[in-house]
Amino acid sequence: MLPWLGPAGQRSYLVTDESGDSYLSQLADEMEAVQLGAGEAVLGHAAEMLSDHKVEAWELRFLGHRLCEALRDALRVAESRGGRLSAPADDGADEPDDSPPCREGDPA
C-alpha cells in the first residue's frame, strides 16, 4: 500500500518485484519518512501549545486537525509496513505488559 491516497480518495497499491528497488517503491519509502517526520514535528508543537495556557481556541482546533492528519498518515504507514511483514515468531508479545504507563516527558 502506498503512503498516499488515489485521486478518488481510495487506497493505492504498488505491485512490484521482491527487491523493492523500483523508483516508485523508493519514492513511497521516502514519503513515509517525510510523513513520520512531520508527525514528530506536530507532536512537538502540540506539547508546547498544550503547556501554554494563553493558547487561543482556534489555535487548538488547528493543532487538532494537524494531529489528526499526522495520525492518519502514521496509521497508513503502519498498515502498509505491517502488510509487508511475515507472521512474527512467538516471542512472548502476547504476554501482558507490566510496565507503568508512559507519561509526557518519559523516554520512549
Protein backbone atom coordinates (compact mmCIF):
# COMPACT_ATOMS: atom_id res chain seq x y z
CA MET A 1 0.00 0.00 0.00
CA LEU A 2 1.33 3.41 -0.93
CA PRO A 3 1.51 6.18 1.70
CA TRP A 4 -0.88 8.42 -0.25
CA LEU A 5 -4.46 8.13 -1.46
CA GLY A 6 -5.56 7.79 -5.09
CA PRO A 7 -7.43 10.53 -6.97
CA ALA A 8 -10.82 9.44 -5.62
CA GLY A 9 -9.54 9.05 -2.05
CA GLN A 10 -9.08 5.28 -2.35
CA ARG A 11 -6.08 3.30 -1.14
CA SER A 12 -3.36 2.85 -3.73
CA TYR A 13 -1.26 -0.27 -4.06
CA LEU A 14 2.01 -0.91 -5.84
CA VAL A 15 2.69 -4.26 -7.43
CA THR A 16 6.45 -4.73 -7.57
CA ASP A 17 9.09 -7.42 -7.54
CA GLU A 18 10.66 -8.75 -4.36
CA SER A 19 13.63 -6.37 -4.49
CA GLY A 20 11.54 -3.25 -3.88
CA ASP A 21 14.15 -1.19 -5.72
CA SER A 22 11.82 0.46 -8.22
CA TYR A 23 11.62 4.24 -8.41
CA LEU A 24 8.06 4.24 -7.09
CA SER A 25 8.98 1.94 -4.18
CA GLN A 26 11.81 4.25 -3.21
CA LEU A 27 9.54 7.30 -3.55
CA ALA A 28 6.95 5.65 -1.29
CA ASP A 29 9.63 4.87 1.32
CA GLU A 30 10.83 8.49 1.22
CA MET A 31 7.26 9.76 1.54
CA GLU A 32 6.68 7.53 4.57
CA ALA A 33 9.79 9.02 6.20
CA VAL A 34 8.57 12.56 5.47
CA GLN A 35 5.10 11.78 6.87
CA LEU A 36 6.50 10.29 10.07
CA GLY A 37 8.92 13.20 10.46
CA ALA A 38 6.08 15.68 10.05
CA GLY A 39 4.12 13.78 12.68
CA GLU A 40 7.03 14.09 15.10
CA ALA A 41 7.21 17.83 14.46
CA VAL A 42 3.46 18.31 15.02
CA LEU A 43 3.68 16.30 18.24
CA GLY A 44 6.49 18.55 19.46
CA HIS A 45 4.39 21.65 18.70
CA ALA A 46 1.41 20.06 20.46
CA ALA A 47 3.38 19.53 23.68
CA GLU A 48 4.46 23.19 23.63
CA MET A 49 1.00 24.54 22.84
CA LEU A 50 -0.76 22.42 25.43
CA SER A 51 1.56 23.69 28.15
CA ASP A 52 0.79 27.31 27.20
CA HIS A 53 -2.37 28.49 28.97
CA LYS A 54 -2.68 31.52 26.67
CA VAL A 55 -3.32 29.48 23.50
CA GLU A 56 -6.48 30.51 21.65
CA ALA A 57 -9.28 28.05 20.85
CA TRP A 58 -8.75 28.43 17.09
CA GLU A 59 -5.07 27.51 17.56
CA LEU A 60 -6.04 24.35 19.40
CA ARG A 61 -8.55 23.44 16.68
CA PHE A 62 -5.86 23.94 14.04
CA LEU A 63 -3.50 21.79 16.11
CA GLY A 64 -6.19 19.11 16.43
CA HIS A 65 -6.61 19.00 12.64
CA ARG A 66 -2.84 18.65 12.12
CA LEU A 67 -2.65 15.92 14.77
CA CYS A 68 -5.46 14.03 13.01
CA GLU A 69 -3.61 14.28 9.69
CA ALA A 70 -0.38 13.09 11.27
CA LEU A 71 -2.11 10.17 12.99
CA ARG A 72 -3.91 9.20 9.78
CA ASP A 73 -0.57 9.19 7.92
CA ALA A 74 1.16 7.20 10.66
CA LEU A 75 -1.62 4.61 10.69
CA ARG A 76 -1.42 4.28 6.90
CA VAL A 77 2.36 3.78 7.14
CA ALA A 78 1.92 1.20 9.92
CA GLU A 79 -0.74 -0.67 7.94
CA SER A 80 1.42 -0.63 4.83
CA ARG A 81 4.52 -1.83 6.65
CA GLY A 82 2.55 -4.42 8.59
CA GLY A 83 1.22 -5.83 5.33
CA ARG A 84 4.79 -6.34 4.15
CA LEU A 85 5.88 -8.27 7.24
CA SER A 86 5.67 -12.01 7.55
CA ALA A 87 3.94 -13.55 10.55
CA PRO A 88 6.11 -12.96 13.63
CA ALA A 89 7.60 -15.84 15.60
CA ASP A 90 6.23 -16.39 19.09
CA ASP A 91 8.37 -14.03 21.14
CA GLY A 92 6.05 -13.61 24.12
CA ALA A 93 4.50 -10.45 22.69
CA ASP A 94 1.03 -11.69 23.73
CA GLU A 95 2.03 -11.62 27.39
CA PRO A 96 0.66 -8.67 29.40
CA ASP A 97 2.86 -5.61 29.73
CA ASP A 98 3.51 -4.88 33.41
CA SER A 99 5.44 -1.68 32.75
CA PRO A 100 3.98 1.60 34.05
CA PRO A 101 2.08 3.80 31.58
CA CYS A 102 4.13 6.30 29.60
CA ARG A 103 3.63 9.94 30.53
CA GLU A 104 4.66 13.09 28.69
CA GLY A 105 8.37 13.62 29.13
CA ASP A 106 9.10 9.94 29.81
CA PRO A 107 11.68 8.40 27.47
CA ALA A 108 10.09 6.16 24.86
